[in-house]
ModelCIF file with pLDDT and N, C-alpha, C, O atoms, coordinates in Angstrom:
data_MODEL
#
_entry.id   MODEL 
#
_entity.id                         1 
_entity.type                       polymer 
_entity.pdbx_number_of_molecules   1 
#
_entity_poly.entity_id                      1 
_entity_poly.type                           'polypeptide(L)' 
_entity_poly.nstd_linkage                   no 
_entity_poly.nstd_monomer                   no 
_entity_poly.pdbx_seq_one_letter_code       
;(UNK)(UNK)(UNK)(UNK)(UNK)(UNK)(UNK)(UNK)(UNK)(UNK)(UNK)(UNK)(UNK)(UNK)(UNK)(UNK)
(UNK)(UNK)(UNK)(UNK)(UNK)(UNK)(UNK)(UNK)(UNK)(UNK)(UNK)(UNK)(UNK)(UNK)(UNK)(UNK)
(UNK)(UNK)(UNK)(UNK)(UNK)(UNK)(UNK)(UNK)(UNK)(UNK)(UNK)(UNK)
;
_entity_poly.pdbx_seq_one_letter_code_can   XXXXXXXXXXXXXXXXXXXXXXXXXXXXXXXXXXXXXXXXXXXX 
_entity_poly.pdbx_strand_id                 A 
#
loop_
_entity_poly_seq.entity_id 
_entity_poly_seq.num 
_entity_poly_seq.mon_id 
_entity_poly_seq.hetero 
1 1  UNK n 
1 2  UNK n 
1 3  UNK n 
1 4  UNK n 
1 5  UNK n 
1 6  UNK n 
1 7  UNK n 
1 8  UNK n 
1 9  UNK n 
1 10 UNK n 
1 11 UNK n 
1 12 UNK n 
1 13 UNK n 
1 14 UNK n 
1 15 UNK n 
1 16 UNK n 
1 17 UNK n 
1 18 UNK n 
1 19 UNK n 
1 20 UNK n 
1 21 UNK n 
1 22 UNK n 
1 23 UNK n 
1 24 UNK n 
1 25 UNK n 
1 26 UNK n 
1 27 UNK n 
1 28 UNK n 
1 29 UNK n 
1 30 UNK n 
1 31 UNK n 
1 32 UNK n 
1 33 UNK n 
1 34 UNK n 
1 35 UNK n 
1 36 UNK n 
1 37 UNK n 
1 38 UNK n 
1 39 UNK n 
1 40 UNK n 
1 41 UNK n 
1 42 UNK n 
1 43 UNK n 
1 44 UNK n 
#
_struct_asym.id          A 
_struct_asym.entity_id   1 
#
loop_
_ma_qa_metric.id 
_ma_qa_metric.mode 
_ma_qa_metric.name 
_ma_qa_metric.software_group_id 
_ma_qa_metric.type 
1 global pLDDT . pLDDT 
2 local  pLDDT . pLDDT 
#
_ma_qa_metric_global.metric_id      1 
_ma_qa_metric_global.metric_value   88.27 
_ma_qa_metric_global.model_id       1 
_ma_qa_metric_global.ordinal_id     1 
#
loop_
_ma_qa_metric_local.label_asym_id 
_ma_qa_metric_local.label_comp_id 
_ma_qa_metric_local.label_seq_id 
_ma_qa_metric_local.metric_id 
_ma_qa_metric_local.metric_value 
_ma_qa_metric_local.model_id 
_ma_qa_metric_local.ordinal_id 
A UNK 1  2 73.00 1 1  
A UNK 2  2 70.00 1 2  
A UNK 3  2 77.00 1 3  
A UNK 4  2 84.00 1 4  
A UNK 5  2 87.00 1 5  
A UNK 6  2 88.00 1 6  
A UNK 7  2 91.00 1 7  
A UNK 8  2 92.00 1 8  
A UNK 9  2 93.00 1 9  
A UNK 10 2 93.00 1 10 
A UNK 11 2 93.00 1 11 
A UNK 12 2 91.00 1 12 
A UNK 13 2 92.00 1 13 
A UNK 14 2 93.00 1 14 
A UNK 15 2 92.00 1 15 
A UNK 16 2 92.00 1 16 
A UNK 17 2 93.00 1 17 
A UNK 18 2 93.00 1 18 
A UNK 19 2 93.00 1 19 
A UNK 20 2 91.00 1 20 
A UNK 21 2 88.00 1 21 
A UNK 22 2 83.00 1 22 
A UNK 23 2 77.00 1 23 
A UNK 24 2 76.00 1 24 
A UNK 25 2 82.00 1 25 
A UNK 26 2 88.00 1 26 
A UNK 27 2 92.00 1 27 
A UNK 28 2 93.00 1 28 
A UNK 29 2 94.00 1 29 
A UNK 30 2 94.00 1 30 
A UNK 31 2 94.00 1 31 
A UNK 32 2 93.00 1 32 
A UNK 33 2 90.00 1 33 
A UNK 34 2 87.00 1 34 
A UNK 35 2 89.00 1 35 
A UNK 36 2 89.00 1 36 
A UNK 37 2 92.00 1 37 
A UNK 38 2 93.00 1 38 
A UNK 39 2 93.00 1 39 
A UNK 40 2 94.00 1 40 
A UNK 41 2 94.00 1 41 
A UNK 42 2 92.00 1 42 
A UNK 43 2 77.00 1 43 
A UNK 44 2 69.00 1 44 
#
loop_
_atom_site.group_PDB 
_atom_site.id 
_atom_site.type_symbol 
_atom_site.label_atom_id 
_atom_site.label_alt_id 
_atom_site.label_comp_id 
_atom_site.label_asym_id 
_atom_site.label_entity_id 
_atom_site.label_seq_id 
_atom_site.pdbx_PDB_ins_code 
_atom_site.Cartn_x 
_atom_site.Cartn_y 
_atom_site.Cartn_z 
_atom_site.occupancy 
_atom_site.B_iso_or_equiv 
_atom_site.pdbx_formal_charge 
_atom_site.auth_seq_id 
_atom_site.auth_comp_id 
_atom_site.auth_asym_id 
_atom_site.auth_atom_id 
_atom_site.pdbx_PDB_model_num 
ATOM 1   N N  . UNK A 1 1  ? -43.089 -8.392 -11.642 1.00 73.00 ? 1  UNK A N  1 
ATOM 2   C CA . UNK A 1 1  ? -42.063 -8.862 -10.721 1.00 73.00 ? 1  UNK A CA 1 
ATOM 3   C C  . UNK A 1 1  ? -41.409 -7.728 -9.937  1.00 73.00 ? 1  UNK A C  1 
ATOM 4   O O  . UNK A 1 1  ? -41.005 -7.922 -8.791  1.00 73.00 ? 1  UNK A O  1 
ATOM 5   N N  . UNK A 1 2  ? -41.303 -6.558 -10.538 1.00 70.00 ? 2  UNK A N  1 
ATOM 6   C CA . UNK A 1 2  ? -40.624 -5.433 -9.865  1.00 70.00 ? 2  UNK A CA 1 
ATOM 7   C C  . UNK A 1 2  ? -41.574 -4.586 -9.043  1.00 70.00 ? 2  UNK A C  1 
ATOM 8   O O  . UNK A 1 2  ? -41.150 -3.871 -8.135  1.00 70.00 ? 2  UNK A O  1 
ATOM 9   N N  . UNK A 1 3  ? -42.852 -4.662 -9.358  1.00 77.00 ? 3  UNK A N  1 
ATOM 10  C CA . UNK A 1 3  ? -43.810 -3.778 -8.689  1.00 77.00 ? 3  UNK A CA 1 
ATOM 11  C C  . UNK A 1 3  ? -43.650 -2.358 -9.208  1.00 77.00 ? 3  UNK A C  1 
ATOM 12  O O  . UNK A 1 3  ? -43.067 -2.132 -10.269 1.00 77.00 ? 3  UNK A O  1 
ATOM 13  N N  . UNK A 1 4  ? -44.168 -1.417 -8.455  1.00 84.00 ? 4  UNK A N  1 
ATOM 14  C CA . UNK A 1 4  ? -44.063 -0.016 -8.839  1.00 84.00 ? 4  UNK A CA 1 
ATOM 15  C C  . UNK A 1 4  ? -42.904 0.610  -8.069  1.00 84.00 ? 4  UNK A C  1 
ATOM 16  O O  . UNK A 1 4  ? -42.932 0.692  -6.841  1.00 84.00 ? 4  UNK A O  1 
ATOM 17  N N  . UNK A 1 5  ? -41.906 1.041  -8.793  1.00 87.00 ? 5  UNK A N  1 
ATOM 18  C CA . UNK A 1 5  ? -40.749 1.680  -8.163  1.00 87.00 ? 5  UNK A CA 1 
ATOM 19  C C  . UNK A 1 5  ? -40.368 2.924  -8.944  1.00 87.00 ? 5  UNK A C  1 
ATOM 20  O O  . UNK A 1 5  ? -40.591 3.011  -10.152 1.00 87.00 ? 5  UNK A O  1 
ATOM 21  N N  . UNK A 1 6  ? -39.799 3.874  -8.246  1.00 88.00 ? 6  UNK A N  1 
ATOM 22  C CA . UNK A 1 6  ? -39.288 5.066  -8.922  1.00 88.00 ? 6  UNK A CA 1 
ATOM 23  C C  . UNK A 1 6  ? -38.006 5.540  -8.257  1.00 88.00 ? 6  UNK A C  1 
ATOM 24  O O  . UNK A 1 6  ? -37.796 5.365  -7.056  1.00 88.00 ? 6  UNK A O  1 
ATOM 25  N N  . UNK A 1 7  ? -37.174 6.133  -9.059  1.00 91.00 ? 7  UNK A N  1 
ATOM 26  C CA . UNK A 1 7  ? -35.994 6.852  -8.595  1.00 91.00 ? 7  UNK A CA 1 
ATOM 27  C C  . UNK A 1 7  ? -36.065 8.202  -9.282  1.00 91.00 ? 7  UNK A C  1 
ATOM 28  O O  . UNK A 1 7  ? -36.379 8.286  -10.469 1.00 91.00 ? 7  UNK A O  1 
ATOM 29  N N  . UNK A 1 8  ? -35.777 9.246  -8.544  1.00 92.00 ? 8  UNK A N  1 
ATOM 30  C CA . UNK A 1 8  ? -35.823 10.567 -9.169  1.00 92.00 ? 8  UNK A CA 1 
ATOM 31  C C  . UNK A 1 8  ? -34.589 11.368 -8.810  1.00 92.00 ? 8  UNK A C  1 
ATOM 32  O O  . UNK A 1 8  ? -34.014 11.214 -7.733  1.00 92.00 ? 8  UNK A O  1 
ATOM 33  N N  . UNK A 1 9  ? -34.196 12.226 -9.737  1.00 93.00 ? 9  UNK A N  1 
ATOM 34  C CA . UNK A 1 9  ? -33.010 13.058 -9.575  1.00 93.00 ? 9  UNK A CA 1 
ATOM 35  C C  . UNK A 1 9  ? -33.332 14.456 -10.095 1.00 93.00 ? 9  UNK A C  1 
ATOM 36  O O  . UNK A 1 9  ? -33.663 14.628 -11.268 1.00 93.00 ? 9  UNK A O  1 
ATOM 37  N N  . UNK A 1 10 ? -33.234 15.436 -9.232  1.00 93.00 ? 10 UNK A N  1 
ATOM 38  C CA . UNK A 1 10 ? -33.368 16.818 -9.692  1.00 93.00 ? 10 UNK A CA 1 
ATOM 39  C C  . UNK A 1 10 ? -32.127 17.156 -10.498 1.00 93.00 ? 10 UNK A C  1 
ATOM 40  O O  . UNK A 1 10 ? -31.041 16.655 -10.208 1.00 93.00 ? 10 UNK A O  1 
ATOM 41  N N  . UNK A 1 11 ? -32.276 17.992 -11.494 1.00 93.00 ? 11 UNK A N  1 
ATOM 42  C CA . UNK A 1 11 ? -31.175 18.284 -12.416 1.00 93.00 ? 11 UNK A CA 1 
ATOM 43  C C  . UNK A 1 11 ? -29.960 18.893 -11.709 1.00 93.00 ? 11 UNK A C  1 
ATOM 44  O O  . UNK A 1 11 ? -28.826 18.671 -12.133 1.00 93.00 ? 11 UNK A O  1 
ATOM 45  N N  . UNK A 1 12 ? -30.188 19.656 -10.638 1.00 91.00 ? 12 UNK A N  1 
ATOM 46  C CA . UNK A 1 12 ? -29.047 20.258 -9.939  1.00 91.00 ? 12 UNK A CA 1 
ATOM 47  C C  . UNK A 1 12 ? -28.149 19.202 -9.288  1.00 91.00 ? 12 UNK A C  1 
ATOM 48  O O  . UNK A 1 12 ? -27.006 19.499 -8.939  1.00 91.00 ? 12 UNK A O  1 
ATOM 49  N N  . UNK A 1 13 ? -28.650 17.976 -9.121  1.00 92.00 ? 13 UNK A N  1 
ATOM 50  C CA . UNK A 1 13 ? -27.834 16.883 -8.567  1.00 92.00 ? 13 UNK A CA 1 
ATOM 51  C C  . UNK A 1 13 ? -26.982 16.195 -9.620  1.00 92.00 ? 13 UNK A C  1 
ATOM 52  O O  . UNK A 1 13 ? -26.061 15.451 -9.281  1.00 92.00 ? 13 UNK A O  1 
ATOM 53  N N  . UNK A 1 14 ? -27.280 16.434 -10.904 1.00 93.00 ? 14 UNK A N  1 
ATOM 54  C CA . UNK A 1 14 ? -26.577 15.740 -11.972 1.00 93.00 ? 14 UNK A CA 1 
ATOM 55  C C  . UNK A 1 14 ? -25.370 16.543 -12.443 1.00 93.00 ? 14 UNK A C  1 
ATOM 56  O O  . UNK A 1 14 ? -25.432 17.764 -12.585 1.00 93.00 ? 14 UNK A O  1 
ATOM 57  N N  . UNK A 1 15 ? -24.259 15.825 -12.684 1.00 92.00 ? 15 UNK A N  1 
ATOM 58  C CA . UNK A 1 15 ? -23.024 16.478 -13.103 1.00 92.00 ? 15 UNK A CA 1 
ATOM 59  C C  . UNK A 1 15 ? -22.837 16.492 -14.605 1.00 92.00 ? 15 UNK A C  1 
ATOM 60  O O  . UNK A 1 15 ? -22.434 17.509 -15.170 1.00 92.00 ? 15 UNK A O  1 
ATOM 61  N N  . UNK A 1 16 ? -23.123 15.378 -15.260 1.00 92.00 ? 16 UNK A N  1 
ATOM 62  C CA . UNK A 1 16 ? -22.976 15.282 -16.712 1.00 92.00 ? 16 UNK A CA 1 
ATOM 63  C C  . UNK A 1 16 ? -23.598 13.983 -17.197 1.00 92.00 ? 16 UNK A C  1 
ATOM 64  O O  . UNK A 1 16 ? -23.986 13.117 -16.413 1.00 92.00 ? 16 UNK A O  1 
ATOM 65  N N  . UNK A 1 17 ? -23.679 13.879 -18.529 1.00 93.00 ? 17 UNK A N  1 
ATOM 66  C CA . UNK A 1 17 ? -24.184 12.660 -19.153 1.00 93.00 ? 17 UNK A CA 1 
ATOM 67  C C  . UNK A 1 17 ? -23.288 12.339 -20.342 1.00 93.00 ? 17 UNK A C  1 
ATOM 68  O O  . UNK A 1 17 ? -22.830 13.234 -21.053 1.00 93.00 ? 17 UNK A O  1 
ATOM 69  N N  . UNK A 1 18 ? -23.047 11.042 -20.546 1.00 93.00 ? 18 UNK A N  1 
ATOM 70  C CA . UNK A 1 18 ? -22.128 10.614 -21.592 1.00 93.00 ? 18 UNK A CA 1 
ATOM 71  C C  . UNK A 1 18 ? -22.741 9.439  -22.346 1.00 93.00 ? 18 UNK A C  1 
ATOM 72  O O  . UNK A 1 18 ? -23.087 8.420  -21.749 1.00 93.00 ? 18 UNK A O  1 
ATOM 73  N N  . UNK A 1 19 ? -22.871 9.588  -23.658 1.00 93.00 ? 19 UNK A N  1 
ATOM 74  C CA . UNK A 1 19 ? -23.381 8.505  -24.496 1.00 93.00 ? 19 UNK A CA 1 
ATOM 75  C C  . UNK A 1 19 ? -22.208 7.609  -24.887 1.00 93.00 ? 19 UNK A C  1 
ATOM 76  O O  . UNK A 1 19 ? -21.193 8.094  -25.387 1.00 93.00 ? 19 UNK A O  1 
ATOM 77  N N  . UNK A 1 20 ? -22.346 6.299  -24.657 1.00 91.00 ? 20 UNK A N  1 
ATOM 78  C CA . UNK A 1 20 ? -21.311 5.325  -24.973 1.00 91.00 ? 20 UNK A CA 1 
ATOM 79  C C  . UNK A 1 20 ? -21.839 4.414  -26.076 1.00 91.00 ? 20 UNK A C  1 
ATOM 80  O O  . UNK A 1 20 ? -22.947 3.885  -25.982 1.00 91.00 ? 20 UNK A O  1 
ATOM 81  N N  . UNK A 1 21 ? -21.043 4.238  -27.111 1.00 88.00 ? 21 UNK A N  1 
ATOM 82  C CA . UNK A 1 21 ? -21.420 3.359  -28.213 1.00 88.00 ? 21 UNK A CA 1 
ATOM 83  C C  . UNK A 1 21 ? -20.247 2.438  -28.500 1.00 88.00 ? 21 UNK A C  1 
ATOM 84  O O  . UNK A 1 21 ? -19.305 2.819  -29.195 1.00 88.00 ? 21 UNK A O  1 
ATOM 85  N N  . UNK A 1 22 ? -20.307 1.218  -27.960 1.00 83.00 ? 22 UNK A N  1 
ATOM 86  C CA . UNK A 1 22 ? -19.251 0.227  -28.156 1.00 83.00 ? 22 UNK A CA 1 
ATOM 87  C C  . UNK A 1 22 ? -19.830 -0.957 -28.912 1.00 83.00 ? 22 UNK A C  1 
ATOM 88  O O  . UNK A 1 22 ? -20.697 -1.669 -28.404 1.00 83.00 ? 22 UNK A O  1 
ATOM 89  N N  . UNK A 1 23 ? -19.355 -1.157 -30.104 1.00 77.00 ? 23 UNK A N  1 
ATOM 90  C CA . UNK A 1 23 ? -19.807 -2.239 -30.953 1.00 77.00 ? 23 UNK A CA 1 
ATOM 91  C C  . UNK A 1 23 ? -21.328 -2.153 -31.087 1.00 77.00 ? 23 UNK A C  1 
ATOM 92  O O  . UNK A 1 23 ? -21.843 -1.129 -31.536 1.00 77.00 ? 23 UNK A O  1 
ATOM 93  N N  . UNK A 1 24 ? -22.043 -3.188 -30.714 1.00 76.00 ? 24 UNK A N  1 
ATOM 94  C CA . UNK A 1 24 ? -23.505 -3.167 -30.819 1.00 76.00 ? 24 UNK A CA 1 
ATOM 95  C C  . UNK A 1 24 ? -24.152 -2.688 -29.528 1.00 76.00 ? 24 UNK A C  1 
ATOM 96  O O  . UNK A 1 24 ? -25.375 -2.584 -29.442 1.00 76.00 ? 24 UNK A O  1 
ATOM 97  N N  . UNK A 1 25 ? -23.336 -2.397 -28.532 1.00 82.00 ? 25 UNK A N  1 
ATOM 98  C CA . UNK A 1 25 ? -23.838 -1.983 -27.217 1.00 82.00 ? 25 UNK A CA 1 
ATOM 99  C C  . UNK A 1 25 ? -23.804 -0.470 -27.107 1.00 82.00 ? 25 UNK A C  1 
ATOM 100 O O  . UNK A 1 25 ? -22.771 0.154  -27.349 1.00 82.00 ? 25 UNK A O  1 
ATOM 101 N N  . UNK A 1 26 ? -24.922 0.110  -26.745 1.00 88.00 ? 26 UNK A N  1 
ATOM 102 C CA . UNK A 1 26 ? -24.940 1.554  -26.505 1.00 88.00 ? 26 UNK A CA 1 
ATOM 103 C C  . UNK A 1 26 ? -25.739 1.834  -25.236 1.00 88.00 ? 26 UNK A C  1 
ATOM 104 O O  . UNK A 1 26 ? -26.748 1.189  -24.951 1.00 88.00 ? 26 UNK A O  1 
ATOM 105 N N  . UNK A 1 27 ? -25.251 2.817  -24.487 1.00 92.00 ? 27 UNK A N  1 
ATOM 106 C CA . UNK A 1 27 ? -25.903 3.160  -23.229 1.00 92.00 ? 27 UNK A CA 1 
ATOM 107 C C  . UNK A 1 27 ? -25.546 4.588  -22.860 1.00 92.00 ? 27 UNK A C  1 
ATOM 108 O O  . UNK A 1 27 ? -24.700 5.223  -23.490 1.00 92.00 ? 27 UNK A O  1 
ATOM 109 N N  . UNK A 1 28 ? -26.204 5.071  -21.837 1.00 93.00 ? 28 UNK A N  1 
ATOM 110 C CA . UNK A 1 28 ? -25.995 6.435  -21.371 1.00 93.00 ? 28 UNK A CA 1 
ATOM 111 C C  . UNK A 1 28 ? -25.551 6.387  -19.918 1.00 93.00 ? 28 UNK A C  1 
ATOM 112 O O  . UNK A 1 28 ? -26.230 5.811  -19.068 1.00 93.00 ? 28 UNK A O  1 
ATOM 113 N N  . UNK A 1 29 ? -24.404 6.997  -19.644 1.00 94.00 ? 29 UNK A N  1 
ATOM 114 C CA . UNK A 1 29 ? -23.940 7.168  -18.261 1.00 94.00 ? 29 UNK A CA 1 
ATOM 115 C C  . UNK A 1 29 ? -24.334 8.556  -17.801 1.00 94.00 ? 29 UNK A C  1 
ATOM 116 O O  . UNK A 1 29 ? -24.016 9.549  -18.456 1.00 94.00 ? 29 UNK A O  1 
ATOM 117 N N  . UNK A 1 30 ? -25.025 8.627  -16.678 1.00 94.00 ? 30 UNK A N  1 
ATOM 118 C CA . UNK A 1 30 ? -25.402 9.913  -16.084 1.00 94.00 ? 30 UNK A CA 1 
ATOM 119 C C  . UNK A 1 30 ? -24.712 9.973  -14.732 1.00 94.00 ? 30 UNK A C  1 
ATOM 120 O O  . UNK A 1 30 ? -24.951 9.132  -13.866 1.00 94.00 ? 30 UNK A O  1 
ATOM 121 N N  . UNK A 1 31 ? -23.853 10.972 -14.552 1.00 94.00 ? 31 UNK A N  1 
ATOM 122 C CA . UNK A 1 31 ? -23.040 11.073 -13.345 1.00 94.00 ? 31 UNK A CA 1 
ATOM 123 C C  . UNK A 1 31 ? -23.719 11.991 -12.324 1.00 94.00 ? 31 UNK A C  1 
ATOM 124 O O  . UNK A 1 31 ? -24.118 13.110 -12.646 1.00 94.00 ? 31 UNK A O  1 
ATOM 125 N N  . UNK A 1 32 ? -23.841 11.498 -11.094 1.00 93.00 ? 32 UNK A N  1 
ATOM 126 C CA . UNK A 1 32 ? -24.462 12.271 -10.015 1.00 93.00 ? 32 UNK A CA 1 
ATOM 127 C C  . UNK A 1 32 ? -23.356 13.048 -9.302  1.00 93.00 ? 32 UNK A C  1 
ATOM 128 O O  . UNK A 1 32 ? -22.331 12.482 -8.922  1.00 93.00 ? 32 UNK A O  1 
ATOM 129 N N  . UNK A 1 33 ? -23.579 14.354 -9.126  1.00 90.00 ? 33 UNK A N  1 
ATOM 130 C CA . UNK A 1 33 ? -22.593 15.230 -8.491  1.00 90.00 ? 33 UNK A CA 1 
ATOM 131 C C  . UNK A 1 33 ? -22.223 14.766 -7.089  1.00 90.00 ? 33 UNK A C  1 
ATOM 132 O O  . UNK A 1 33 ? -23.046 14.212 -6.361  1.00 90.00 ? 33 UNK A O  1 
ATOM 133 N N  . UNK A 1 34 ? -20.964 15.004 -6.729  1.00 87.00 ? 34 UNK A N  1 
ATOM 134 C CA . UNK A 1 34 ? -20.440 14.767 -5.383  1.00 87.00 ? 34 UNK A CA 1 
ATOM 135 C C  . UNK A 1 34 ? -20.639 13.342 -4.880  1.00 87.00 ? 34 UNK A C  1 
ATOM 136 O O  . UNK A 1 34 ? -20.666 13.102 -3.673  1.00 87.00 ? 34 UNK A O  1 
ATOM 137 N N  . UNK A 1 35 ? -20.779 12.405 -5.802  1.00 89.00 ? 35 UNK A N  1 
ATOM 138 C CA . UNK A 1 35 ? -20.880 10.988 -5.447  1.00 89.00 ? 35 UNK A CA 1 
ATOM 139 C C  . UNK A 1 35 ? -20.131 10.198 -6.511  1.00 89.00 ? 35 UNK A C  1 
ATOM 140 O O  . UNK A 1 35 ? -19.668 10.754 -7.507  1.00 89.00 ? 35 UNK A O  1 
ATOM 141 N N  . UNK A 1 36 ? -20.022 8.927  -6.289  1.00 89.00 ? 36 UNK A N  1 
ATOM 142 C CA . UNK A 1 36 ? -19.455 8.049  -7.317  1.00 89.00 ? 36 UNK A CA 1 
ATOM 143 C C  . UNK A 1 36 ? -20.568 7.329  -8.069  1.00 89.00 ? 36 UNK A C  1 
ATOM 144 O O  . UNK A 1 36 ? -20.309 6.392  -8.824  1.00 89.00 ? 36 UNK A O  1 
ATOM 145 N N  . UNK A 1 37 ? -21.797 7.765  -7.863  1.00 92.00 ? 37 UNK A N  1 
ATOM 146 C CA . UNK A 1 37 ? -22.948 7.112  -8.476  1.00 92.00 ? 37 UNK A CA 1 
ATOM 147 C C  . UNK A 1 37 ? -23.032 7.442  -9.962  1.00 92.00 ? 37 UNK A C  1 
ATOM 148 O O  . UNK A 1 37 ? -22.909 8.596  -10.374 1.00 92.00 ? 37 UNK A O  1 
ATOM 149 N N  . UNK A 1 38 ? -23.243 6.396  -10.746 1.00 93.00 ? 38 UNK A N  1 
ATOM 150 C CA . UNK A 1 38 ? -23.455 6.533  -12.184 1.00 93.00 ? 38 UNK A CA 1 
ATOM 151 C C  . UNK A 1 38 ? -24.767 5.835  -12.511 1.00 93.00 ? 38 UNK A C  1 
ATOM 152 O O  . UNK A 1 38 ? -24.948 4.656  -12.208 1.00 93.00 ? 38 UNK A O  1 
ATOM 153 N N  . UNK A 1 39 ? -25.669 6.567  -13.125 1.00 93.00 ? 39 UNK A N  1 
ATOM 154 C CA . UNK A 1 39 ? -26.939 5.987  -13.575 1.00 93.00 ? 39 UNK A CA 1 
ATOM 155 C C  . UNK A 1 39 ? -26.685 5.516  -15.001 1.00 93.00 ? 39 UNK A C  1 
ATOM 156 O O  . UNK A 1 39 ? -26.347 6.321  -15.868 1.00 93.00 ? 39 UNK A O  1 
ATOM 157 N N  . UNK A 1 40 ? -26.845 4.214  -15.250 1.00 94.00 ? 40 UNK A N  1 
ATOM 158 C CA . UNK A 1 40 ? -26.583 3.638  -16.561 1.00 94.00 ? 40 UNK A CA 1 
ATOM 159 C C  . UNK A 1 40 ? -27.893 3.206  -17.187 1.00 94.00 ? 40 UNK A C  1 
ATOM 160 O O  . UNK A 1 40 ? -28.591 2.349  -16.644 1.00 94.00 ? 40 UNK A O  1 
ATOM 161 N N  . UNK A 1 41 ? -28.231 3.790  -18.320 1.00 94.00 ? 41 UNK A N  1 
ATOM 162 C CA . UNK A 1 41 ? -29.457 3.444  -19.024 1.00 94.00 ? 41 UNK A CA 1 
ATOM 163 C C  . UNK A 1 41 ? -29.110 2.683  -20.292 1.00 94.00 ? 41 UNK A C  1 
ATOM 164 O O  . UNK A 1 41 ? -28.302 3.147  -21.096 1.00 94.00 ? 41 UNK A O  1 
ATOM 165 N N  . UNK A 1 42 ? -29.724 1.504  -20.477 1.00 92.00 ? 42 UNK A N  1 
ATOM 166 C CA . UNK A 1 42 ? -29.479 0.625  -21.618 1.00 92.00 ? 42 UNK A CA 1 
ATOM 167 C C  . UNK A 1 42 ? -30.752 0.406  -22.422 1.00 92.00 ? 42 UNK A C  1 
ATOM 168 O O  . UNK A 1 42 ? -31.864 0.685  -21.975 1.00 92.00 ? 42 UNK A O  1 
ATOM 169 N N  . UNK A 1 43 ? -30.534 -0.109 -23.635 1.00 77.00 ? 43 UNK A N  1 
ATOM 170 C CA . UNK A 1 43 ? -31.616 -0.717 -24.378 1.00 77.00 ? 43 UNK A CA 1 
ATOM 171 C C  . UNK A 1 43 ? -32.506 0.206  -25.183 1.00 77.00 ? 43 UNK A C  1 
ATOM 172 O O  . UNK A 1 43 ? -33.276 -0.265 -26.021 1.00 77.00 ? 43 UNK A O  1 
ATOM 173 N N  . UNK A 1 44 ? -32.426 1.458  -24.961 1.00 69.00 ? 44 UNK A N  1 
ATOM 174 C CA . UNK A 1 44 ? -33.228 2.370  -25.764 1.00 69.00 ? 44 UNK A CA 1 
ATOM 175 C C  . UNK A 1 44 ? -32.480 2.623  -27.065 1.00 69.00 ? 44 UNK A C  1 
ATOM 176 O O  . UNK A 1 44 ? -32.960 3.369  -27.918 1.00 69.00 ? 44 UNK A O  1 
#
């Protein structure tokens, strides 16, 4: 359904990463420098 897609980020564009563990939900927030963009990874 999604086809082949990719998003890529060179490390110099990334500001930090934060692991969140709330109850049974856990995910990773990756903050992109100089933007308000947050890459949120779930389910792993």
